[in-house]
Amino acid sequence: MDNAYSFISDRTGCRLDKYISEKYTDLSRTKVQKLIVDGSITVNDDVVKASFKLNIGDRVNVFIPPPAPSILSPEAIALHILYEDTDLLVINKPAGLTVHPAPGHPNHTLVNAILSHVPSLVEISDSVRPGIVHRLDKDTSGVMLVAKTNKARLNLISQFERHSVIKVYLVLVKGHLVPESGMIEAPIGRDPSNRKRMTVVAEGRDARTRYDVVKYLGNFTLLEIRTETGRTHQIRVHLAAIGFPVVGDTTYGVKVPFLSRQFLHACRLGCALPSTGEYMEFTAELPPDLAQALEAIS
């Protein structure tokens, strides 16, 4: 199948995902739904939901991104390991390291580093992202979980789906945020005008972000953030939407002279160990560049 194609709907009242998966049998319905969520499938140039009901004459555009590299190779990249047992690896990911290979980033990723440390990960079913059960943006640092077995992977995915994993971030925003505690609830989806960006849109997926002020630093606010959902770029999009952009974020936030990347650090993560069910929390100290940024504005 070509990477991009377009067709005119000849049916009315059929769900978009059902129609495409029936029309193109080499695309599973799950794959179609993911393409829709990613903004790779549009109707009349609009980003819509998988449940969108087609009308005769609607123009459907489909873009299928090129596959990520299928062959992964171990690379001797240093890992800051916070915890490890037979099922689980917990690392402190540095800023600047992409989590998994993708078009434009075929190697020098966290996955390549993990494969060097745990060669058996090649046996895990996801051949492109073996062991990866969640992710942090390239320029976000902090705690990440990696499953070392397929059983552990399924266990952790289930915990994330039940929202039982505790994820806490330290974030610096521009402005004096009040009240000192609150919940941001706003649906997030692909930006219709730029599919590489996310934004708050009525037809987006439910997203909830809780914040607490740690301290005020001049015209900046240091926040502790807990995400109750895991949408792409959720924290950065939500904070920008309420008028308090993340410092150093070049996509949704505000540039500053004292920091070259976004001030976003996954400082604490809690989950049940796949091996025993025991709840544990893992912490990662603020890295030097973010600590120095706080000193610059103190």
C-alpha atoms as a PDB file:
ATOM      1  CA  MET A   1       0.000   0.000   0.000  1.00  0.00           C
ATOM      2  CA  ASP A   2       1.221   3.495  -0.807  1.00  0.00           C
ATOM      3  CA  ASN A   3       2.187   5.792   2.063  1.00  0.00           C
ATOM      4  CA  ALA A   4      -0.497   8.339   1.167  1.00  0.00           C
ATOM      5  CA  TYR A   5      -3.777   8.039  -0.673  1.00  0.00           C
ATOM      6  CA  SER A   6      -7.228   9.573  -0.882  1.00  0.00           C
ATOM      7  CA  PHE A   7     -10.724   8.362  -1.712  1.00  0.00           C
ATOM      8  CA  ILE A   8     -14.336   9.524  -1.711  1.00  0.00           C
ATOM      9  CA  SER A   9     -16.787   7.795   0.648  1.00  0.00           C
ATOM     10  CA  ASP A  10     -19.605   5.910  -1.050  1.00  0.00           C
ATOM     11  CA  ARG A  11     -21.460   5.126   2.191  1.00  0.00           C
ATOM     12  CA  THR A  12     -23.423   7.055   4.790  1.00  0.00           C
ATOM     13  CA  GLY A  13     -23.581   6.358   8.517  1.00  0.00           C
ATOM     14  CA  CYS A  14     -20.584   4.022   8.709  1.00  0.00           C
ATOM     15  CA  ARG A  15     -17.876   4.568  11.317  1.00  0.00           C
ATOM     16  CA  LEU A  16     -14.633   5.849   9.847  1.00  0.00           C
ATOM     17  CA  ASP A  17     -12.414   3.157  11.410  1.00  0.00           C
ATOM     18  CA  LYS A  18     -14.769   0.340  10.363  1.00  0.00           C
ATOM     19  CA  TYR A  19     -15.069   1.643   6.809  1.00  0.00           C
ATOM     20  CA  ILE A  20     -11.299   1.919   6.244  1.00  0.00           C
ATOM     21  CA  SER A  21     -10.448  -1.455   7.805  1.00  0.00           C
ATOM     22  CA  GLU A  22     -13.085  -3.117   5.604  1.00  0.00           C
ATOM     23  CA  LYS A  23     -11.952  -1.257   2.485  1.00  0.00           C
ATOM     24  CA  TYR A  24      -8.258  -1.997   3.070  1.00  0.00           C
ATOM     25  CA  THR A  25      -7.992  -5.419   4.671  1.00  0.00           C
ATOM     26  CA  ASP A  26      -4.224  -5.132   5.204  1.00  0.00           C
ATOM     27  CA  LEU A  27      -4.947  -2.406   7.773  1.00  0.00           C
ATOM     28  CA  SER A  28      -6.347  -3.789  11.024  1.00  0.00           C
ATOM     29  CA  ARG A  29      -9.015  -1.783  12.807  1.00  0.00           C
ATOM     30  CA  THR A  30      -6.603  -1.211  15.702  1.00  0.00           C
ATOM     31  CA  LYS A  31      -3.982   0.134  13.284  1.00  0.00           C
ATOM     32  CA  VAL A  32      -6.593   2.382  11.663  1.00  0.00           C
ATOM     33  CA  GLN A  33      -7.657   3.734  15.064  1.00  0.00           C
ATOM     34  CA  LYS A  34      -4.050   4.560  15.922  1.00  0.00           C
ATOM     35  CA  LEU A  35      -3.591   6.362  12.601  1.00  0.00           C
ATOM     36  CA  ILE A  36      -6.742   8.382  13.318  1.00  0.00           C
ATOM     37  CA  VAL A  37      -5.552   9.334  16.824  1.00  0.00           C
ATOM     38  CA  ASP A  38      -2.163  10.341  15.375  1.00  0.00           C
ATOM     39  CA  GLY A  39      -3.895  12.631  12.876  1.00  0.00           C
ATOM     40  CA  SER A  40      -2.742  10.563   9.893  1.00  0.00           C
ATOM     41  CA  ILE A  41      -6.331  10.036   8.696  1.00  0.00           C
ATOM     42  CA  THR A  42      -8.542  13.042   8.017  1.00  0.00           C
ATOM     43  CA  VAL A  43     -12.018  13.593   6.610  1.00  0.00           C
ATOM     44  CA  ASN A  44     -12.440  16.659   4.398  1.00  0.00           C
ATOM     45  CA  ASP A  45      -9.036  17.782   5.768  1.00  0.00           C
ATOM     46  CA  ASP A  46     -10.357  17.704   9.360  1.00  0.00           C
ATOM     47  CA  VAL A  47      -8.995  15.549  12.203  1.00  0.00           C
ATOM     48  CA  VAL A  48     -11.921  13.470  13.517  1.00  0.00           C
ATOM     49  CA  LYS A  49     -12.574  10.586  15.888  1.00  0.00           C
ATOM     50  CA  ALA A  50     -12.581   6.910  14.918  1.00  0.00           C
ATOM     51  CA  SER A  51     -16.330   6.907  15.588  1.00  0.00           C
ATOM     52  CA  PHE A  52     -16.963   9.673  13.045  1.00  0.00           C
ATOM     53  CA  LYS A  53     -19.895   8.726  10.793  1.00  0.00           C
ATOM     54  CA  LEU A  54     -19.120   9.140   7.110  1.00  0.00           C
ATOM     55  CA  ASN A  55     -21.411  10.659   4.500  1.00  0.00           C
ATOM     56  CA  ILE A  56     -21.426   9.969   0.780  1.00  0.00           C
ATOM     57  CA  GLY A  57     -18.995  12.360  -0.864  1.00  0.00           C
ATOM     58  CA  ASP A  58     -16.687  12.805   2.113  1.00  0.00           C
ATOM     59  CA  ARG A  59     -13.044  12.889   1.075  1.00  0.00           C
ATOM     60  CA  VAL A  60     -10.864  10.656   3.256  1.00  0.00           C
ATOM     61  CA  ASN A  61      -7.102  11.200   3.275  1.00  0.00           C
ATOM     62  CA  VAL A  62      -4.796   8.553   4.698  1.00  0.00           C
ATOM     63  CA  PHE A  63      -1.098   8.892   5.425  1.00  0.00           C
ATOM     64  CA  ILE A  64       0.821   5.835   6.616  1.00  0.00           C
ATOM     65  CA  PRO A  65       4.162   6.818   8.177  1.00  0.00           C
ATOM     66  CA  PRO A  66       7.133   4.770   7.038  1.00  0.00           C
ATOM     67  CA  PRO A  67       7.923   1.918   9.414  1.00  0.00           C
ATOM     68  CA  ALA A  68      10.561   2.381  12.060  1.00  0.00           C
ATOM     69  CA  PRO A  69      13.712   0.317  11.628  1.00  0.00           C
ATOM     70  CA  SER A  70      12.974  -3.359  12.254  1.00  0.00           C
ATOM     71  CA  ILE A  71      16.511  -4.305  13.227  1.00  0.00           C
ATOM     72  CA  LEU A  72      17.672  -3.003  16.576  1.00  0.00           C
ATOM     73  CA  SER A  73      21.260  -3.189  17.698  1.00  0.00           C
ATOM     74  CA  PRO A  74      22.705  -2.891  21.205  1.00  0.00           C
ATOM     75  CA  GLU A  75      24.779   0.215  21.904  1.00  0.00           C
ATOM     76  CA  ALA A  76      27.062   0.794  24.872  1.00  0.00           C
ATOM     77  CA  ILE A  77      25.288   3.921  26.133  1.00  0.00           C
ATOM     78  CA  ALA A  78      25.589   4.502  29.891  1.00  0.00           C
ATOM     79  CA  LEU A  79      22.404   4.003  31.903  1.00  0.00           C
ATOM     80  CA  HIS A  80      21.613   5.526  35.292  1.00  0.00           C
ATOM     81  CA  ILE A  81      19.860   2.547  36.902  1.00  0.00           C
ATOM     82  CA  LEU A  82      17.655   3.299  39.904  1.00  0.00           C
ATOM     83  CA  TYR A  83      16.380  -0.258  40.474  1.00  0.00           C
ATOM     84  CA  GLU A  84      16.544  -3.668  38.827  1.00  0.00           C
ATOM     85  CA  ASP A  85      15.140  -7.142  39.432  1.00  0.00           C
ATOM     86  CA  THR A  86      14.355 -10.136  37.224  1.00  0.00           C
ATOM     87  CA  ASP A  87      11.301  -8.433  35.665  1.00  0.00           C
ATOM     88  CA  LEU A  88      11.852  -4.707  35.917  1.00  0.00           C
ATOM     89  CA  LEU A  89      14.451  -2.085  35.084  1.00  0.00           C
ATOM     90  CA  VAL A  90      13.978   1.453  36.406  1.00  0.00           C
ATOM     91  CA  ILE A  91      16.199   4.136  34.930  1.00  0.00           C
ATOM     92  CA  ASN A  92      16.761   7.856  35.238  1.00  0.00           C
ATOM     93  CA  LYS A  93      16.555   8.970  31.612  1.00  0.00           C
ATOM     94  CA  PRO A  94      18.719  11.980  30.731  1.00  0.00           C
ATOM     95  CA  ALA A  95      17.392  14.840  28.639  1.00  0.00           C
ATOM     96  CA  GLY A  96      18.387  14.649  24.971  1.00  0.00           C
ATOM     97  CA  LEU A  97      17.972  10.878  24.667  1.00  0.00           C
ATOM     98  CA  THR A  98      15.159   9.644  22.410  1.00  0.00           C
ATOM     99  CA  VAL A  99      13.309   6.666  23.888  1.00  0.00           C
ATOM    100  CA  HIS A 100      12.972   4.426  20.821  1.00  0.00           C
ATOM    101  CA  PRO A 101      14.010   4.347  17.157  1.00  0.00           C
ATOM    102  CA  ALA A 102      11.811   6.174  14.668  1.00  0.00           C
ATOM    103  CA  PRO A 103      12.198   7.691  11.205  1.00  0.00           C
ATOM    104  CA  GLY A 104      15.093  10.121  11.513  1.00  0.00           C
ATOM    105  CA  HIS A 105      16.359   8.478  14.718  1.00  0.00           C
ATOM    106  CA  PRO A 106      17.331   4.892  13.786  1.00  0.00           C
ATOM    107  CA  ASN A 107      19.841   4.457  16.613  1.00  0.00           C
ATOM    108  CA  HIS A 108      21.499   6.093  19.653  1.00  0.00           C
ATOM    109  CA  THR A 109      18.232   5.714  21.583  1.00  0.00           C
ATOM    110  CA  LEU A 110      17.307   4.473  25.022  1.00  0.00           C
ATOM    111  CA  VAL A 111      16.155   1.173  23.494  1.00  0.00           C
ATOM    112  CA  ASN A 112      19.610   0.616  21.974  1.00  0.00           C
ATOM    113  CA  ALA A 113      21.181   1.266  25.383  1.00  0.00           C
ATOM    114  CA  ILE A 114      18.753  -1.077  27.155  1.00  0.00           C
ATOM    115  CA  LEU A 115      19.416  -3.876  24.651  1.00  0.00           C
ATOM    116  CA  SER A 116      23.098  -3.674  25.541  1.00  0.00           C
ATOM    117  CA  HIS A 117      22.231  -4.065  29.237  1.00  0.00           C
ATOM    118  CA  VAL A 118      19.435  -6.649  28.783  1.00  0.00           C
ATOM    119  CA  PRO A 119      20.074  -8.622  25.541  1.00  0.00           C
ATOM    120  CA  SER A 120      17.065 -10.876  26.216  1.00  0.00           C
ATOM    121  CA  LEU A 121      14.734  -7.946  25.470  1.00  0.00           C
ATOM    122  CA  VAL A 122      14.885  -8.880  21.783  1.00  0.00           C
ATOM    123  CA  GLU A 123      12.506 -11.729  22.663  1.00  0.00           C
ATOM    124  CA  ILE A 124       9.751  -9.339  23.773  1.00  0.00           C
ATOM    125  CA  SER A 125       6.907  -9.103  21.265  1.00  0.00           C
ATOM    126  CA  ASP A 126       7.276  -5.412  20.392  1.00  0.00           C
ATOM    127  CA  SER A 127      10.283  -5.574  18.068  1.00  0.00           C
ATOM    128  CA  VAL A 128      10.604  -1.798  17.688  1.00  0.00           C
ATOM    129  CA  ARG A 129      10.128  -0.784  21.330  1.00  0.00           C
ATOM    130  CA  PRO A 130      11.037  -3.895  23.346  1.00  0.00           C
ATOM    131  CA  GLY A 131      10.346  -3.421  27.045  1.00  0.00           C
ATOM    132  CA  ILE A 132       8.980   0.107  26.674  1.00  0.00           C
ATOM    133  CA  VAL A 133       5.656   0.533  28.500  1.00  0.00           C
ATOM    134  CA  HIS A 134       5.552   4.331  28.623  1.00  0.00           C
ATOM    135  CA  ARG A 135       7.724   7.144  27.356  1.00  0.00           C
ATOM    136  CA  LEU A 136       9.207  10.522  28.116  1.00  0.00           C
ATOM    137  CA  ASP A 137       9.804  13.175  25.474  1.00  0.00           C
ATOM    138  CA  LYS A 138      13.374  13.435  24.211  1.00  0.00           C
ATOM    139  CA  ASP A 139      14.056  16.586  26.240  1.00  0.00           C
ATOM    140  CA  THR A 140      12.294  15.371  29.386  1.00  0.00           C
ATOM    141  CA  SER A 141      14.418  13.722  32.066  1.00  0.00           C
ATOM    142  CA  GLY A 142      13.539  11.407  34.900  1.00  0.00           C
ATOM    143  CA  VAL A 143      12.154   8.047  36.010  1.00  0.00           C
ATOM    144  CA  MET A 144      11.175   5.460  33.399  1.00  0.00           C
ATOM    145  CA  LEU A 145      10.076   1.837  33.745  1.00  0.00           C
ATOM    146  CA  VAL A 146      11.299  -0.893  31.397  1.00  0.00           C
ATOM    147  CA  ALA A 147       9.849  -4.414  31.364  1.00  0.00           C
ATOM    148  CA  LYS A 148      12.446  -7.176  31.099  1.00  0.00           C
ATOM    149  CA  THR A 149       9.935  -9.936  30.250  1.00  0.00           C
ATOM    150  CA  ASN A 150       6.740 -10.121  28.246  1.00  0.00           C
ATOM    151  CA  LYS A 151       4.773 -11.044  31.381  1.00  0.00           C
ATOM    152  CA  ALA A 152       6.085  -7.954  33.164  1.00  0.00           C
ATOM    153  CA  ARG A 153       5.336  -5.821  30.111  1.00  0.00           C
ATOM    154  CA  LEU A 154       1.681  -6.873  30.095  1.00  0.00           C
ATOM    155  CA  ASN A 155       1.454  -6.352  33.860  1.00  0.00           C
ATOM    156  CA  LEU A 156       2.821  -2.802  33.658  1.00  0.00           C
ATOM    157  CA  ILE A 157       0.664  -1.896  30.665  1.00  0.00           C
ATOM    158  CA  SER A 158      -2.360  -3.027  32.671  1.00  0.00           C
ATOM    159  CA  GLN A 159      -1.307  -0.813  35.592  1.00  0.00           C
ATOM    160  CA  PHE A 160      -0.999   2.187  33.290  1.00  0.00           C
ATOM    161  CA  GLU A 161      -4.401   1.467  31.739  1.00  0.00           C
ATOM    162  CA  ARG A 162      -5.965   1.341  35.230  1.00  0.00           C
ATOM    163  CA  HIS A 163      -4.250   4.647  36.099  1.00  0.00           C
ATOM    164  CA  SER A 164      -2.739   2.997  39.173  1.00  0.00           C
ATOM    165  CA  VAL A 165       0.812   4.139  38.359  1.00  0.00           C
ATOM    166  CA  ILE A 166       1.708   7.330  40.233  1.00  0.00           C
ATOM    167  CA  LYS A 167       3.618   9.791  38.013  1.00  0.00           C
ATOM    168  CA  VAL A 168       4.972  13.011  39.525  1.00  0.00           C
ATOM    169  CA  TYR A 169       6.870  15.738  37.670  1.00  0.00           C
ATOM    170  CA  LEU A 170       8.670  18.940  38.591  1.00  0.00           C
ATOM    171  CA  VAL A 171       7.860  21.703  36.120  1.00  0.00           C
ATOM    172  CA  LEU A 172       8.828  25.372  35.928  1.00  0.00           C
ATOM    173  CA  VAL A 173       6.346  27.699  34.247  1.00  0.00           C
ATOM    174  CA  LYS A 174       6.349  31.369  33.327  1.00  0.00           C
ATOM    175  CA  GLY A 175       4.031  33.442  35.500  1.00  0.00           C
ATOM    176  CA  HIS A 176       2.608  33.426  39.022  1.00  0.00           C
ATOM    177  CA  LEU A 177       0.131  30.540  39.019  1.00  0.00           C
ATOM    178  CA  VAL A 178      -2.832  30.796  41.384  1.00  0.00           C
ATOM    179  CA  PRO A 179      -4.599  29.113  43.045  1.00  0.00           C
ATOM    180  CA  GLU A 180      -1.763  27.092  44.533  1.00  0.00           C
ATOM    181  CA  SER A 181      -3.472  23.771  43.770  1.00  0.00           C
ATOM    182  CA  GLY A 182      -5.822  22.759  41.007  1.00  0.00           C
ATOM    183  CA  MET A 183      -6.893  20.311  38.343  1.00  0.00           C
ATOM    184  CA  ILE A 184      -6.696  21.047  34.620  1.00  0.00           C
ATOM    185  CA  GLU A 185      -9.331  19.075  32.718  1.00  0.00           C
ATOM    186  CA  ALA A 186      -9.358  19.608  28.960  1.00  0.00           C
ATOM    187  CA  PRO A 187      -9.467  17.129  26.053  1.00  0.00           C
ATOM    188  CA  ILE A 188      -6.282  16.839  23.978  1.00  0.00           C
ATOM    189  CA  GLY A 189      -5.966  15.911  20.308  1.00  0.00           C
ATOM    190  CA  ARG A 190      -3.909  16.606  17.216  1.00  0.00           C
ATOM    191  CA  ASP A 191      -3.754  20.228  16.135  1.00  0.00           C
ATOM    192  CA  PRO A 192      -5.816  20.320  12.909  1.00  0.00           C
ATOM    193  CA  SER A 193      -3.464  22.924  11.438  1.00  0.00           C
ATOM    194  CA  ASN A 194      -0.241  21.112  12.388  1.00  0.00           C
ATOM    195  CA  ARG A 195      -0.379  17.341  12.967  1.00  0.00           C
ATOM    196  CA  LYS A 196       3.006  17.363  14.729  1.00  0.00           C
ATOM    197  CA  ARG A 197       1.510  19.401  17.567  1.00  0.00           C
ATOM    198  CA  MET A 198      -1.142  18.591  20.132  1.00  0.00           C
ATOM    199  CA  THR A 199      -3.736  21.040  21.384  1.00  0.00           C
ATOM    200  CA  VAL A 200      -6.901  21.327  23.460  1.00  0.00           C
ATOM    201  CA  VAL A 201      -9.792  20.407  21.156  1.00  0.00           C
ATOM    202  CA  ALA A 202     -13.407  19.526  21.896  1.00  0.00           C
ATOM    203  CA  GLU A 203     -13.146  16.201  20.063  1.00  0.00           C
ATOM    204  CA  GLY A 204      -9.864  15.252  21.758  1.00  0.00           C
ATOM    205  CA  ARG A 205      -9.242  12.528  24.336  1.00  0.00           C
ATOM    206  CA  ASP A 206     -10.053  13.121  27.995  1.00  0.00           C
ATOM    207  CA  ALA A 207      -7.035  14.503  29.866  1.00  0.00           C
ATOM    208  CA  ARG A 208      -6.537  15.474  33.514  1.00  0.00           C
ATOM    209  CA  THR A 209      -3.512  17.153  35.076  1.00  0.00           C
ATOM    210  CA  ARG A 210      -3.254  17.992  38.793  1.00  0.00           C
ATOM    211  CA  TYR A 211      -0.798  20.651  39.957  1.00  0.00           C
ATOM    212  CA  ASP A 212       0.525  21.975  43.281  1.00  0.00           C
ATOM    213  CA  VAL A 213       2.751  25.008  43.653  1.00  0.00           C
ATOM    214  CA  VAL A 214       6.129  24.154  45.207  1.00  0.00           C
ATOM    215  CA  LYS A 215       7.329  27.763  45.320  1.00  0.00           C
ATOM    216  CA  TYR A 216       7.241  31.083  43.507  1.00  0.00           C
ATOM    217  CA  LEU A 217      10.490  32.388  42.041  1.00  0.00           C
ATOM    218  CA  GLY A 218      10.028  35.943  40.813  1.00  0.00           C
ATOM    219  CA  ASN A 219       7.827  35.758  37.734  1.00  0.00           C
ATOM    220  CA  PHE A 220       8.115  31.969  37.600  1.00  0.00           C
ATOM    221  CA  THR A 221       6.366  29.141  39.440  1.00  0.00           C
ATOM    222  CA  LEU A 222       7.829  25.745  40.274  1.00  0.00           C
ATOM    223  CA  LEU A 223       5.105  23.094  40.188  1.00  0.00           C
ATOM    224  CA  GLU A 224       4.655  19.496  41.232  1.00  0.00           C
ATOM    225  CA  ILE A 225       2.492  17.846  38.590  1.00  0.00           C
ATOM    226  CA  ARG A 226       0.569  14.561  38.727  1.00  0.00           C
ATOM    227  CA  THR A 227      -0.959  13.258  35.518  1.00  0.00           C
ATOM    228  CA  GLU A 228      -4.128  11.207  35.834  1.00  0.00           C
ATOM    229  CA  THR A 229      -4.084  10.406  32.110  1.00  0.00           C
ATOM    230  CA  GLY A 230      -1.193   9.906  29.716  1.00  0.00           C
ATOM    231  CA  ARG A 231      -1.841  11.944  26.599  1.00  0.00           C
ATOM    232  CA  THR A 232       0.945  13.008  24.262  1.00  0.00           C
ATOM    233  CA  HIS A 233       2.571  16.258  25.477  1.00  0.00           C
ATOM    234  CA  GLN A 234      -0.198  16.491  28.096  1.00  0.00           C
ATOM    235  CA  ILE A 235       1.601  18.609  30.706  1.00  0.00           C
ATOM    236  CA  ARG A 236       3.043  21.070  28.198  1.00  0.00           C
ATOM    237  CA  VAL A 237      -0.263  21.465  26.332  1.00  0.00           C
ATOM    238  CA  HIS A 238      -2.388  21.865  29.467  1.00  0.00           C
ATOM    239  CA  LEU A 239      -0.118  24.438  31.088  1.00  0.00           C
ATOM    240  CA  ALA A 240       0.122  26.450  27.866  1.00  0.00           C
ATOM    241  CA  ALA A 241      -3.675  26.319  27.544  1.00  0.00           C
ATOM    242  CA  ILE A 242      -4.171  28.014  30.924  1.00  0.00           C
ATOM    243  CA  GLY A 243      -1.582  30.689  30.163  1.00  0.00           C
ATOM    244  CA  PHE A 244       1.402  29.335  32.122  1.00  0.00           C
ATOM    245  CA  PRO A 245       3.791  27.898  29.513  1.00  0.00           C
ATOM    246  CA  VAL A 246       6.626  25.543  30.441  1.00  0.00           C
ATOM    247  CA  VAL A 247       9.971  27.302  30.609  1.00  0.00           C
ATOM    248  CA  GLY A 248      12.373  26.273  27.842  1.00  0.00           C
ATOM    249  CA  ASP A 249       9.696  24.490  25.790  1.00  0.00           C
ATOM    250  CA  THR A 250      10.208  25.587  22.193  1.00  0.00           C
ATOM    251  CA  THR A 251       6.953  24.040  20.934  1.00  0.00           C
ATOM    252  CA  TYR A 252       4.291  25.135  23.435  1.00  0.00           C
ATOM    253  CA  GLY A 253       6.205  27.151  26.001  1.00  0.00           C
ATOM    254  CA  VAL A 254       8.595  30.064  26.289  1.00  0.00           C
ATOM    255  CA  LYS A 255      12.311  30.366  25.517  1.00  0.00           C
ATOM    256  CA  VAL A 256      14.621  31.648  28.240  1.00  0.00           C
ATOM    257  CA  PRO A 257      18.342  32.520  28.194  1.00  0.00           C
ATOM    258  CA  PHE A 258      19.190  30.359  31.221  1.00  0.00           C
ATOM    259  CA  LEU A 259      17.929  26.975  29.939  1.00  0.00           C
ATOM    260  CA  SER A 260      18.362  25.163  26.618  1.00  0.00           C
ATOM    261  CA  ARG A 261      15.571  22.589  27.050  1.00  0.00           C
ATOM    262  CA  GLN A 262      12.153  22.293  28.650  1.00  0.00           C
ATOM    263  CA  PHE A 263      12.026  22.356  32.450  1.00  0.00           C
ATOM    264  CA  LEU A 264      10.175  19.051  32.814  1.00  0.00           C
ATOM    265  CA  HIS A 265      11.493  16.284  35.042  1.00  0.00           C
ATOM    266  CA  ALA A 266       9.805  13.020  36.065  1.00  0.00           C
ATOM    267  CA  CYS A 267      10.937  13.120  39.692  1.00  0.00           C
ATOM    268  CA  ARG A 268       8.883  10.252  41.152  1.00  0.00           C
ATOM    269  CA  LEU A 269       7.064   7.169  39.912  1.00  0.00           C
ATOM    270  CA  GLY A 270       5.225   4.531  41.906  1.00  0.00           C
ATOM    271  CA  CYS A 271       3.923   1.144  40.764  1.00  0.00           C
ATOM    272  CA  ALA A 272       3.371  -2.432  41.898  1.00  0.00           C
ATOM    273  CA  LEU A 273       6.360  -4.651  41.170  1.00  0.00           C
ATOM    274  CA  PRO A 274       5.334  -7.175  38.477  1.00  0.00           C
ATOM    275  CA  SER A 275       7.206  -9.947  40.315  1.00  0.00           C
ATOM    276  CA  THR A 276       5.627  -9.575  43.784  1.00  0.00           C
ATOM    277  CA  GLY A 277       2.830  -7.004  43.598  1.00  0.00           C
ATOM    278  CA  GLU A 278       4.598  -4.892  46.232  1.00  0.00           C
ATOM    279  CA  TYR A 279       4.108  -1.150  45.716  1.00  0.00           C
ATOM    280  CA  MET A 280       7.346   0.806  45.336  1.00  0.00           C
ATOM    281  CA  GLU A 281       8.234   4.386  44.496  1.00  0.00           C
ATOM    282  CA  PHE A 282      11.330   5.458  42.613  1.00  0.00           C
ATOM    283  CA  THR A 283      12.801   8.948  42.637  1.00  0.00           C
ATOM    284  CA  ALA A 284      15.249  10.871  40.467  1.00  0.00           C
ATOM    285  CA  GLU A 285      16.970  14.021  41.698  1.00  0.00           C
ATOM    286  CA  LEU A 286      16.751  17.225  39.696  1.00  0.00           C
ATOM    287  CA  PRO A 287      19.549  17.137  37.070  1.00  0.00           C
ATOM    288  CA  PRO A 288      22.280  19.825  37.150  1.00  0.00           C
ATOM    289  CA  ASP A 289      20.945  21.917  34.252  1.00  0.00           C
ATOM    290  CA  LEU A 290      17.519  22.301  35.891  1.00  0.00           C
ATOM    291  CA  ALA A 291      19.027  22.945  39.333  1.00  0.00           C
ATOM    292  CA  GLN A 292      21.207  25.681  37.806  1.00  0.00           C
ATOM    293  CA  ALA A 293      18.146  27.197  36.108  1.00  0.00           C
ATOM    294  CA  LEU A 294      16.452  27.529  39.496  1.00  0.00           C
ATOM    295  CA  GLU A 295      19.572  29.188  40.896  1.00  0.00           C
ATOM    296  CA  ALA A 296      19.579  31.657  38.006  1.00  0.00           C
ATOM    297  CA  ILE A 297      16.131  32.985  38.926  1.00  0.00           C
ATOM    298  CA  SER A 298      16.384  32.718  42.724  1.00  0.00           C
END
